[in-house]
Amino acid sequence: YYSDSVKGRFTISRDITKNTVYLQINNVEPEDTAVYYCAAAHRRTTV
């Protein structure tokens, strides 16, 4: 899932071997300025 404001610019991915989730942010805009947090939810929680 991507919010409308980041669709086409952000890409989420996961590397299980590194136990890491990434957020690739391209073509950043001033409105992207923020503190970014990650969260882990129950496995059957929908996006």
All heavy atoms as atom14 arrays in JSON, in Angstrom:
{
  "sequence": "YYSDSVKGRFTISRDITKNTVYLQINNVEPEDTAVYYCAAAHRRTTV",
  "atom14_mask": [
    [1, 1, 1, 1, 1, 1, 1, 1, 1, 1, 1, 1, 0, 0],
    [1, 1, 1, 1, 1, 1, 1, 1, 1, 1, 1, 1, 0, 0],
    [1, 1, 1, 1, 1, 1, 0, 0, 0, 0, 0, 0, 0, 0],
    [1, 1, 1, 1, 1, 1, 1, 1, 0, 0, 0, 0, 0, 0],
    [1, 1, 1, 1, 1, 1, 0, 0, 0, 0, 0, 0, 0, 0],
    [1, 1, 1, 1, 1, 1, 1, 0, 0, 0, 0, 0, 0, 0],
    [1, 1, 1, 1, 1, 1, 1, 1, 1, 0, 0, 0, 0, 0],
    [1, 1, 1, 1, 0, 0, 0, 0, 0, 0, 0, 0, 0, 0],
    [1, 1, 1, 1, 1, 1, 1, 1, 1, 1, 1, 0, 0, 0],
    [1, 1, 1, 1, 1, 1, 1, 1, 1, 1, 1, 0, 0, 0],
    [1, 1, 1, 1, 1, 1, 1, 0, 0, 0, 0, 0, 0, 0],
    [1, 1, 1, 1, 1, 1, 1, 1, 0, 0, 0, 0, 0, 0],
    [1, 1, 1, 1, 1, 1, 0, 0, 0, 0, 0, 0, 0, 0],
    [1, 1, 1, 1, 1, 1, 1, 1, 1, 1, 1, 0, 0, 0],
    [1, 1, 1, 1, 1, 1, 1, 1, 0, 0, 0, 0, 0, 0],
    [1, 1, 1, 1, 1, 1, 1, 1, 0, 0, 0, 0, 0, 0],
    [1, 1, 1, 1, 1, 1, 1, 0, 0, 0, 0, 0, 0, 0],
    [1, 1, 1, 1, 1, 1, 1, 1, 1, 0, 0, 0, 0, 0],
    [1, 1, 1, 1, 1, 1, 1, 1, 0, 0, 0, 0, 0, 0],
    [1, 1, 1, 1, 1, 1, 1, 0, 0, 0, 0, 0, 0, 0],
    [1, 1, 1, 1, 1, 1, 1, 0, 0, 0, 0, 0, 0, 0],
    [1, 1, 1, 1, 1, 1, 1, 1, 1, 1, 1, 1, 0, 0],
    [1, 1, 1, 1, 1, 1, 1, 1, 0, 0, 0, 0, 0, 0],
    [1, 1, 1, 1, 1, 1, 1, 1, 1, 0, 0, 0, 0, 0],
    [1, 1, 1, 1, 1, 1, 1, 1, 0, 0, 0, 0, 0, 0],
    [1, 1, 1, 1, 1, 1, 1, 1, 0, 0, 0, 0, 0, 0],
    [1, 1, 1, 1, 1, 1, 1, 1, 0, 0, 0, 0, 0, 0],
    [1, 1, 1, 1, 1, 1, 1, 0, 0, 0, 0, 0, 0, 0],
    [1, 1, 1, 1, 1, 1, 1, 1, 1, 0, 0, 0, 0, 0],
    [1, 1, 1, 1, 1, 1, 1, 0, 0, 0, 0, 0, 0, 0],
    [1, 1, 1, 1, 1, 1, 1, 1, 1, 0, 0, 0, 0, 0],
    [1, 1, 1, 1, 1, 1, 1, 1, 0, 0, 0, 0, 0, 0],
    [1, 1, 1, 1, 1, 1, 1, 0, 0, 0, 0, 0, 0, 0],
    [1, 1, 1, 1, 1, 0, 0, 0, 0, 0, 0, 0, 0, 0],
    [1, 1, 1, 1, 1, 1, 1, 0, 0, 0, 0, 0, 0, 0],
    [1, 1, 1, 1, 1, 1, 1, 1, 1, 1, 1, 1, 0, 0],
    [1, 1, 1, 1, 1, 1, 1, 1, 1, 1, 1, 1, 0, 0],
    [1, 1, 1, 1, 1, 1, 0, 0, 0, 0, 0, 0, 0, 0],
    [1, 1, 1, 1, 1, 0, 0, 0, 0, 0, 0, 0, 0, 0],
    [1, 1, 1, 1, 1, 0, 0, 0, 0, 0, 0, 0, 0, 0],
    [1, 1, 1, 1, 1, 0, 0, 0, 0, 0, 0, 0, 0, 0],
    [1, 1, 1, 1, 1, 1, 1, 1, 1, 1, 0, 0, 0, 0],
    [1, 1, 1, 1, 1, 1, 1, 1, 1, 1, 1, 0, 0, 0],
    [1, 1, 1, 1, 1, 1, 1, 1, 1, 1, 1, 0, 0, 0],
    [1, 1, 1, 1, 1, 1, 1, 0, 0, 0, 0, 0, 0, 0],
    [1, 1, 1, 1, 1, 1, 1, 0, 0, 0, 0, 0, 0, 0],
    [1, 1, 1, 1, 1, 1, 1, 0, 0, 0, 0, 0, 0, 0]
  ],
  "atom14_positions": [
    [[0.85, -1.18, 0.0], [0.0, 0.0, 0.0], [0.88, 1.23, 0.0], [1.93, 1.26, 0.67], [-0.91, 0.03, 1.23], [-1.56, 1.37, 1.48], [-2.8, 1.67, 0.92], [-0.94, 2.34, 2.26], [-3.39, 2.9, 1.14], [-1.53, 3.57, 2.48], [-2.75, 3.85, 1.92], [-3.34, 5.07, 2.13], [0.0, 0.0, 0.0], [0.0, 0.0, 0.0]],
    [[0.46, 2.25, -0.74], [1.12, 3.54, -0.73], [0.07, 4.63, -0.63], [-0.96, 4.57, -1.31], [1.95, 3.75, -2.0], [3.05, 2.74, -2.18], [2.85, 1.6, -2.95], [4.29, 2.93, -1.58], [3.85, 0.67, -3.11], [5.3, 2.0, -1.74], [5.07, 0.87, -2.5], [6.08, -0.05, -2.66], [0.0, 0.0, 0.0], [0.0, 0.0, 0.0]],
    [[0.33, 5.61, 0.2], [-0.57, 6.74, 0.28], [-0.5, 7.54, -1.01], [0.49, 7.47, -1.76], [-0.23, 7.63, 1.48], [1.03, 8.25, 1.32], [0.0, 0.0, 0.0], [0.0, 0.0, 0.0], [0.0, 0.0, 0.0], [0.0, 0.0, 0.0], [0.0, 0.0, 0.0], [0.0, 0.0, 0.0], [0.0, 0.0, 0.0], [0.0, 0.0, 0.0]],
    [[-1.53, 8.3, -1.27], [-1.59, 9.06, -2.52], [-0.42, 10.02, -2.66], [0.07, 10.26, -3.77], [-2.91, 9.83, -2.61], [-4.11, 8.93, -2.8], [-3.92, 7.78, -3.23], [-5.24, 9.38, -2.52], [0.0, 0.0, 0.0], [0.0, 0.0, 0.0], [0.0, 0.0, 0.0], [0.0, 0.0, 0.0], [0.0, 0.0, 0.0], [0.0, 0.0, 0.0]],
    [[0.04, 10.56, -1.55], [1.09, 11.57, -1.61], [2.45, 10.99, -1.98], [3.33, 11.75, -2.4], [1.18, 12.31, -0.28], [1.51, 11.42, 0.78], [0.0, 0.0, 0.0], [0.0, 0.0, 0.0], [0.0, 0.0, 0.0], [0.0, 0.0, 0.0], [0.0, 0.0, 0.0], [0.0, 0.0, 0.0], [0.0, 0.0, 0.0], [0.0, 0.0, 0.0]],
    [[2.64, 9.68, -1.83], [3.94, 9.08, -2.11], [3.9, 8.08, -3.24], [4.96, 7.59, -3.67], [4.53, 8.41, -0.85], [4.53, 9.38, 0.32], [3.79, 7.14, -0.5], [0.0, 0.0, 0.0], [0.0, 0.0, 0.0], [0.0, 0.0, 0.0], [0.0, 0.0, 0.0], [0.0, 0.0, 0.0], [0.0, 0.0, 0.0], [0.0, 0.0, 0.0]],
    [[2.73, 7.76, -3.74], [2.59, 6.77, -4.8], [3.44, 7.17, -6.01], [3.4, 8.3, -6.47], [1.13, 6.64, -5.21], [0.86, 5.64, -6.32], [1.12, 4.22, -5.85], [0.76, 3.21, -6.93], [1.03, 1.82, -6.48], [0.0, 0.0, 0.0], [0.0, 0.0, 0.0], [0.0, 0.0, 0.0], [0.0, 0.0, 0.0], [0.0, 0.0, 0.0]],
    [[4.22, 6.22, -6.49], [5.08, 6.46, -7.63], [6.45, 6.97, -7.27], [7.35, 6.97, -8.13], [0.0, 0.0, 0.0], [0.0, 0.0, 0.0], [0.0, 0.0, 0.0], [0.0, 0.0, 0.0], [0.0, 0.0, 0.0], [0.0, 0.0, 0.0], [0.0, 0.0, 0.0], [0.0, 0.0, 0.0], [0.0, 0.0, 0.0], [0.0, 0.0, 0.0]],
    [[6.65, 7.41, -6.04], [7.94, 7.91, -5.6], [8.58, 7.04, -4.53], [9.81, 7.0, -4.43], [7.8, 9.34, -5.07], [7.27, 10.33, -6.09], [7.32, 11.76, -5.58], [6.49, 11.94, -4.38], [6.97, 12.22, -3.17], [8.27, 12.38, -2.98], [6.13, 12.38, -2.16], [0.0, 0.0, 0.0], [0.0, 0.0, 0.0], [0.0, 0.0, 0.0]],
    [[7.78, 6.38, -3.71], [8.27, 5.54, -2.62], [8.09, 4.07, -2.98], [7.11, 3.69, -3.64], [7.5, 5.81, -1.33], [7.79, 7.13, -0.66], [8.34, 8.19, -1.36], [7.5, 7.3, 0.68], [8.59, 9.41, -0.74], [7.74, 8.51, 1.31], [8.29, 9.56, 0.6], [0.0, 0.0, 0.0], [0.0, 0.0, 0.0], [0.0, 0.0, 0.0]],
    [[9.03, 3.24, -2.54], [8.93, 1.8, -2.73], [9.31, 1.09, -1.45], [10.38, 1.33, -0.9], [9.84, 1.32, -3.87], [9.53, 2.01, -5.09], [9.66, -0.18, -4.09], [0.0, 0.0, 0.0], [0.0, 0.0, 0.0], [0.0, 0.0, 0.0], [0.0, 0.0, 0.0], [0.0, 0.0, 0.0], [0.0, 0.0, 0.0], [0.0, 0.0, 0.0]],
    [[8.43, 0.22, -0.98], [8.71, -0.57, 0.21], [9.21, -1.95, -0.22], [8.72, -2.53, -1.19], [7.47, -0.68, 1.12], [7.84, -1.3, 2.47], [6.35, -1.45, 0.45], [6.71, -1.2, 3.51], [0.0, 0.0, 0.0], [0.0, 0.0, 0.0], [0.0, 0.0, 0.0], [0.0, 0.0, 0.0], [0.0, 0.0, 0.0], [0.0, 0.0, 0.0]],
    [[10.19, -2.47, 0.5], [10.72, -3.79, 0.2], [11.21, -4.44, 1.48], [11.34, -3.78, 2.52], [11.85, -3.71, -0.83], [12.94, -2.95, -0.34], [0.0, 0.0, 0.0], [0.0, 0.0, 0.0], [0.0, 0.0, 0.0], [0.0, 0.0, 0.0], [0.0, 0.0, 0.0], [0.0, 0.0, 0.0], [0.0, 0.0, 0.0], [0.0, 0.0, 0.0]],
    [[11.5, -5.72, 1.4], [11.86, -6.49, 2.6], [12.96, -7.47, 2.25], [12.91, -8.16, 1.23], [10.61, -7.21, 3.11], [10.78, -8.08, 4.33], [9.41, -8.57, 4.8], [8.62, -9.04, 3.68], [7.31, -8.95, 3.59], [6.62, -8.39, 4.57], [6.67, -9.41, 2.53], [0.0, 0.0, 0.0], [0.0, 0.0, 0.0], [0.0, 0.0, 0.0]],
    [[13.96, -7.54, 3.1], [15.04, -8.5, 2.98], [15.0, -9.38, 4.22], [15.47, -8.97, 5.29], [16.39, -7.8, 2.84], [17.52, -8.78, 2.56], [17.37, -9.98, 2.81], [18.58, -8.32, 2.07], [0.0, 0.0, 0.0], [0.0, 0.0, 0.0], [0.0, 0.0, 0.0], [0.0, 0.0, 0.0], [0.0, 0.0, 0.0], [0.0, 0.0, 0.0]],
    [[14.44, -10.57, 4.08], [14.25, -11.44, 5.24], [15.59, -11.89, 5.81], [15.73, -12.05, 7.03], [13.38, -12.65, 4.85], [12.02, -12.18, 4.35], [13.22, -13.59, 6.04], [11.28, -11.32, 5.35], [0.0, 0.0, 0.0], [0.0, 0.0, 0.0], [0.0, 0.0, 0.0], [0.0, 0.0, 0.0], [0.0, 0.0, 0.0], [0.0, 0.0, 0.0]],
    [[16.58, -12.09, 4.96], [17.88, -12.53, 5.45], [18.52, -11.51, 6.37], [19.32, -11.86, 7.23], [18.83, -12.84, 4.28], [19.11, -11.65, 3.54], [18.21, -13.87, 3.35], [0.0, 0.0, 0.0], [0.0, 0.0, 0.0], [0.0, 0.0, 0.0], [0.0, 0.0, 0.0], [0.0, 0.0, 0.0], [0.0, 0.0, 0.0], [0.0, 0.0, 0.0]],
    [[18.19, -10.24, 6.18], [18.71, -9.17, 7.03], [17.69, -8.71, 8.06], [17.99, -7.8, 8.85], [19.15, -7.98, 6.18], [20.32, -8.28, 5.26], [20.72, -7.04, 4.48], [22.01, -7.27, 3.7], [21.88, -8.35, 2.7], [0.0, 0.0, 0.0], [0.0, 0.0, 0.0], [0.0, 0.0, 0.0], [0.0, 0.0, 0.0], [0.0, 0.0, 0.0]],
    [[16.5, -9.31, 8.06], [15.44, -8.94, 8.99], [15.17, -7.44, 8.92], [14.99, -6.78, 9.95], [15.8, -9.37, 10.42], [14.58, -9.76, 11.24], [13.53, -10.11, 10.69], [14.71, -9.7, 12.56], [0.0, 0.0, 0.0], [0.0, 0.0, 0.0], [0.0, 0.0, 0.0], [0.0, 0.0, 0.0], [0.0, 0.0, 0.0], [0.0, 0.0, 0.0]],
    [[15.12, -6.93, 7.71], [15.04, -5.5, 7.48], [14.0, -5.17, 6.42], [13.88, -5.87, 5.42], [16.41, -4.95, 7.05], [17.37, -5.16, 8.1], [16.33, -3.46, 6.74], [0.0, 0.0, 0.0], [0.0, 0.0, 0.0], [0.0, 0.0, 0.0], [0.0, 0.0, 0.0], [0.0, 0.0, 0.0], [0.0, 0.0, 0.0], [0.0, 0.0, 0.0]],
    [[13.27, -4.11, 6.67], [12.34, -3.54, 5.71], [12.89, -2.18, 5.27], [13.37, -1.4, 6.11], [10.93, -3.39, 6.29], [10.03, -2.6, 5.35], [10.33, -4.75, 6.56], [0.0, 0.0, 0.0], [0.0, 0.0, 0.0], [0.0, 0.0, 0.0], [0.0, 0.0, 0.0], [0.0, 0.0, 0.0], [0.0, 0.0, 0.0], [0.0, 0.0, 0.0]],
    [[12.83, -1.91, 3.99], [13.37, -0.68, 3.42], [12.26, 0.19, 2.88], [11.19, -0.28, 2.49], [14.36, -0.98, 2.29], [15.54, -1.81, 2.71], [15.54, -3.19, 2.55], [16.67, -1.22, 3.27], [16.62, -3.96, 2.94], [17.75, -1.97, 3.66], [17.73, -3.34, 3.49], [18.81, -4.09, 3.88], [0.0, 0.0, 0.0], [0.0, 0.0, 0.0]],
    [[12.54, 1.47, 2.83], [11.69, 2.42, 2.14], [12.57, 3.25, 1.23], [13.33, 4.1, 1.69], [10.93, 3.32, 3.11], [9.91, 4.26, 2.46], [8.74, 3.46, 1.88], [9.39, 5.28, 3.46], [0.0, 0.0, 0.0], [0.0, 0.0, 0.0], [0.0, 0.0, 0.0], [0.0, 0.0, 0.0], [0.0, 0.0, 0.0], [0.0, 0.0, 0.0]],
    [[12.48, 2.99, -0.07], [13.21, 3.77, -1.05], [12.39, 5.0, -1.39], [11.23, 4.89, -1.79], [13.46, 2.95, -2.32], [14.2, 3.69, -3.42], [15.64, 4.0, -3.07], [16.32, 3.17, -2.46], [16.1, 5.19, -3.42], [0.0, 0.0, 0.0], [0.0, 0.0, 0.0], [0.0, 0.0, 0.0], [0.0, 0.0, 0.0], [0.0, 0.0, 0.0]],
    [[12.99, 6.16, -1.21], [12.31, 7.42, -1.43], [13.0, 8.12, -2.59], [14.17, 8.49, -2.49], [12.33, 8.31, -0.18], [11.75, 7.57, 1.03], [11.58, 9.61, -0.44], [11.85, 8.34, 2.32], [0.0, 0.0, 0.0], [0.0, 0.0, 0.0], [0.0, 0.0, 0.0], [0.0, 0.0, 0.0], [0.0, 0.0, 0.0], [0.0, 0.0, 0.0]],
    [[12.29, 8.31, -3.67], [12.83, 8.96, -4.86], [12.11, 10.28, -5.11], [10.96, 10.47, -4.71], [12.69, 8.06, -6.08], [13.52, 6.81, -5.99], [14.6, 6.82, -5.4], [13.04, 5.73, -6.58], [0.0, 0.0, 0.0], [0.0, 0.0, 0.0], [0.0, 0.0, 0.0], [0.0, 0.0, 0.0], [0.0, 0.0, 0.0], [0.0, 0.0, 0.0]],
    [[12.81, 11.17, -5.81], [12.23, 12.46, -6.19], [11.58, 13.14, -4.99], [10.42, 13.53, -5.02], [11.21, 12.27, -7.32], [10.83, 13.57, -7.99], [11.59, 14.53, -7.98], [9.64, 13.6, -8.57], [0.0, 0.0, 0.0], [0.0, 0.0, 0.0], [0.0, 0.0, 0.0], [0.0, 0.0, 0.0], [0.0, 0.0, 0.0], [0.0, 0.0, 0.0]],
    [[12.36, 13.3, -3.94], [11.82, 13.85, -2.7], [11.33, 15.28, -2.91], [11.84, 16.03, -3.75], [12.86, 13.81, -1.57], [13.23, 12.37, -1.26], [14.09, 14.62, -1.92], [0.0, 0.0, 0.0], [0.0, 0.0, 0.0], [0.0, 0.0, 0.0], [0.0, 0.0, 0.0], [0.0, 0.0, 0.0], [0.0, 0.0, 0.0], [0.0, 0.0, 0.0]],
    [[10.33, 15.63, -2.12], [9.73, 16.95, -2.14], [9.82, 17.55, -0.74], [9.95, 16.82, 0.24], [8.26, 16.86, -2.57], [8.06, 16.19, -3.92], [6.6, 15.91, -4.21], [5.77, 16.05, -3.29], [6.3, 15.55, -5.37], [0.0, 0.0, 0.0], [0.0, 0.0, 0.0], [0.0, 0.0, 0.0], [0.0, 0.0, 0.0], [0.0, 0.0, 0.0]],
    [[9.77, 18.88, -0.63], [9.81, 19.49, 0.69], [8.74, 18.95, 1.63], [8.98, 18.86, 2.84], [9.6, 20.98, 0.4], [10.14, 21.17, -0.97], [9.8, 19.9, -1.71], [0.0, 0.0, 0.0], [0.0, 0.0, 0.0], [0.0, 0.0, 0.0], [0.0, 0.0, 0.0], [0.0, 0.0, 0.0], [0.0, 0.0, 0.0], [0.0, 0.0, 0.0]],
    [[7.6, 18.58, 1.11], [6.52, 18.04, 1.92], [6.84, 16.67, 2.52], [6.12, 16.2, 3.4], [5.22, 17.95, 1.11], [4.62, 19.3, 0.72], [5.41, 20.02, -0.37], [6.16, 19.34, -1.11], [5.28, 21.25, -0.49], [0.0, 0.0, 0.0], [0.0, 0.0, 0.0], [0.0, 0.0, 0.0], [0.0, 0.0, 0.0], [0.0, 0.0, 0.0]],
    [[7.91, 16.04, 2.05], [8.34, 14.76, 2.61], [9.11, 14.93, 3.91], [9.42, 13.93, 4.57], [9.19, 13.99, 1.61], [8.43, 13.59, 0.36], [7.22, 13.27, 0.47], [9.04, 13.6, -0.73], [0.0, 0.0, 0.0], [0.0, 0.0, 0.0], [0.0, 0.0, 0.0], [0.0, 0.0, 0.0], [0.0, 0.0, 0.0], [0.0, 0.0, 0.0]],
    [[9.45, 16.15, 4.27], [10.16, 16.39, 5.51], [9.33, 15.91, 6.7], [8.2, 16.35, 6.9], [10.49, 17.88, 5.67], [11.39, 18.29, 4.64], [11.13, 18.15, 7.02], [0.0, 0.0, 0.0], [0.0, 0.0, 0.0], [0.0, 0.0, 0.0], [0.0, 0.0, 0.0], [0.0, 0.0, 0.0], [0.0, 0.0, 0.0], [0.0, 0.0, 0.0]],
    [[9.9, 15.01, 7.48], [9.18, 14.41, 8.6], [10.1, 13.45, 9.32], [11.18, 13.11, 8.82], [7.92, 13.67, 8.12], [0.0, 0.0, 0.0], [0.0, 0.0, 0.0], [0.0, 0.0, 0.0], [0.0, 0.0, 0.0], [0.0, 0.0, 0.0], [0.0, 0.0, 0.0], [0.0, 0.0, 0.0], [0.0, 0.0, 0.0], [0.0, 0.0, 0.0]],
    [[9.67, 13.02, 10.49], [10.29, 11.88, 11.14], [9.58, 10.63, 10.64], [8.35, 10.55, 10.69], [10.2, 11.98, 12.67], [10.8, 10.74, 13.33], [10.92, 13.23, 13.16], [0.0, 0.0, 0.0], [0.0, 0.0, 0.0], [0.0, 0.0, 0.0], [0.0, 0.0, 0.0], [0.0, 0.0, 0.0], [0.0, 0.0, 0.0], [0.0, 0.0, 0.0]],
    [[10.35, 9.68, 10.18], [9.81, 8.45, 9.61], [9.94, 7.31, 10.61], [11.01, 7.08, 11.17], [10.52, 8.1, 8.31], [10.08, 8.96, 7.15], [10.49, 10.29, 7.07], [9.24, 8.47, 6.16], [10.07, 11.1, 6.02], [8.82, 9.26, 5.12], [9.24, 10.58, 5.05], [8.82, 11.37, 4.01], [0.0, 0.0, 0.0], [0.0, 0.0, 0.0]],
    [[8.85, 6.6, 10.83], [8.78, 5.5, 11.78], [8.38, 4.21, 11.05], [7.6, 4.25, 10.1], [7.72, 5.76, 12.86], [7.92, 7.03, 13.65], [7.42, 8.24, 13.2], [8.6, 7.01, 14.87], [7.58, 9.4, 13.93], [8.76, 8.16, 15.61], [8.25, 9.35, 15.14], [8.42, 10.5, 15.88], [0.0, 0.0, 0.0], [0.0, 0.0, 0.0]],
    [[8.89, 3.1, 11.54], [8.39, 1.82, 11.06], [7.59, 1.14, 12.16], [7.76, 1.43, 13.35], [9.51, 0.91, 10.55], [10.68, 0.34, 11.79], [0.0, 0.0, 0.0], [0.0, 0.0, 0.0], [0.0, 0.0, 0.0], [0.0, 0.0, 0.0], [0.0, 0.0, 0.0], [0.0, 0.0, 0.0], [0.0, 0.0, 0.0], [0.0, 0.0, 0.0]],
    [[6.7, 0.25, 11.77], [5.84, -0.46, 12.69], [5.67, -1.89, 12.24], [5.64, -2.18, 11.04], [4.48, 0.23, 12.79], [0.0, 0.0, 0.0], [0.0, 0.0, 0.0], [0.0, 0.0, 0.0], [0.0, 0.0, 0.0], [0.0, 0.0, 0.0], [0.0, 0.0, 0.0], [0.0, 0.0, 0.0], [0.0, 0.0, 0.0], [0.0, 0.0, 0.0]],
    [[5.55, -2.79, 13.21], [5.28, -4.19, 12.97], [3.92, -4.54, 13.54], [3.67, -4.32, 14.73], [6.36, -5.07, 13.58], [0.0, 0.0, 0.0], [0.0, 0.0, 0.0], [0.0, 0.0, 0.0], [0.0, 0.0, 0.0], [0.0, 0.0, 0.0], [0.0, 0.0, 0.0], [0.0, 0.0, 0.0], [0.0, 0.0, 0.0], [0.0, 0.0, 0.0]],
    [[3.04, -5.06, 12.72], [1.68, -5.38, 13.11], [1.41, -6.87, 12.97], [2.16, -7.6, 12.3], [0.68, -4.58, 12.27], [0.0, 0.0, 0.0], [0.0, 0.0, 0.0], [0.0, 0.0, 0.0], [0.0, 0.0, 0.0], [0.0, 0.0, 0.0], [0.0, 0.0, 0.0], [0.0, 0.0, 0.0], [0.0, 0.0, 0.0], [0.0, 0.0, 0.0]],
    [[0.31, -7.3, 13.58], [-0.1, -8.69, 13.48], [-0.1, -9.15, 12.03], [-0.48, -8.39, 11.14], [-1.5, -8.85, 14.09], [-1.99, -10.26, 14.11], [-1.57, -11.19, 15.03], [-2.85, -10.92, 13.28], [-2.17, -12.34, 14.8], [-2.95, -12.2, 13.74], [0.0, 0.0, 0.0], [0.0, 0.0, 0.0], [0.0, 0.0, 0.0], [0.0, 0.0, 0.0]],
    [[0.33, -10.37, 11.81], [0.6, -10.86, 10.47], [-0.61, -10.83, 9.55], [-0.47, -10.78, 8.33], [1.16, -12.28, 10.52], [0.2, -13.32, 11.07], [0.92, -14.66, 11.25], [0.02, -15.71, 11.72], [-0.28, -15.92, 12.99], [0.25, -15.15, 13.93], [-1.11, -16.9, 13.32], [0.0, 0.0, 0.0], [0.0, 0.0, 0.0], [0.0, 0.0, 0.0]],
    [[-1.8, -10.88, 10.1], [-3.01, -10.85, 9.27], [-3.64, -9.47, 9.19], [-4.74, -9.33, 8.65], [-4.02, -11.89, 9.74], [-3.61, -13.32, 9.38], [-4.74, -14.31, 9.61], [-4.96, -14.55, 11.02], [-4.3, -15.44, 11.75], [-3.36, -16.19, 11.17], [-4.57, -15.58, 13.03], [0.0, 0.0, 0.0], [0.0, 0.0, 0.0], [0.0, 0.0, 0.0]],
    [[-2.96, -8.46, 9.71], [-3.4, -7.09, 9.51], [-3.22, -6.71, 8.05], [-2.16, -6.93, 7.47], [-2.6, -6.12, 10.39], [-2.69, -6.52, 11.76], [-3.14, -4.71, 10.25], [0.0, 0.0, 0.0], [0.0, 0.0, 0.0], [0.0, 0.0, 0.0], [0.0, 0.0, 0.0], [0.0, 0.0, 0.0], [0.0, 0.0, 0.0], [0.0, 0.0, 0.0]],
    [[-4.26, -6.15, 7.45], [-4.16, -5.74, 6.07], [-3.35, -4.46, 5.96], [-3.21, -3.7, 6.93], [-5.55, -5.51, 5.45], [-6.16, -4.36, 6.06], [-6.43, -6.73, 5.65], [0.0, 0.0, 0.0], [0.0, 0.0, 0.0], [0.0, 0.0, 0.0], [0.0, 0.0, 0.0], [0.0, 0.0, 0.0], [0.0, 0.0, 0.0], [0.0, 0.0, 0.0]],
    [[-2.83, -4.2, 4.77], [-2.06, -2.99, 4.57], [-2.94, -1.76, 4.73], [-2.47, -0.72, 5.2], [-1.36, -2.99, 3.2], [-0.27, -4.05, 3.16], [-2.35, -3.2, 2.06], [0.0, 0.0, 0.0], [0.0, 0.0, 0.0], [0.0, 0.0, 0.0], [0.0, 0.0, 0.0], [0.0, 0.0, 0.0], [0.0, 0.0, 0.0], [0.0, 0.0, 0.0]]
  ]
}
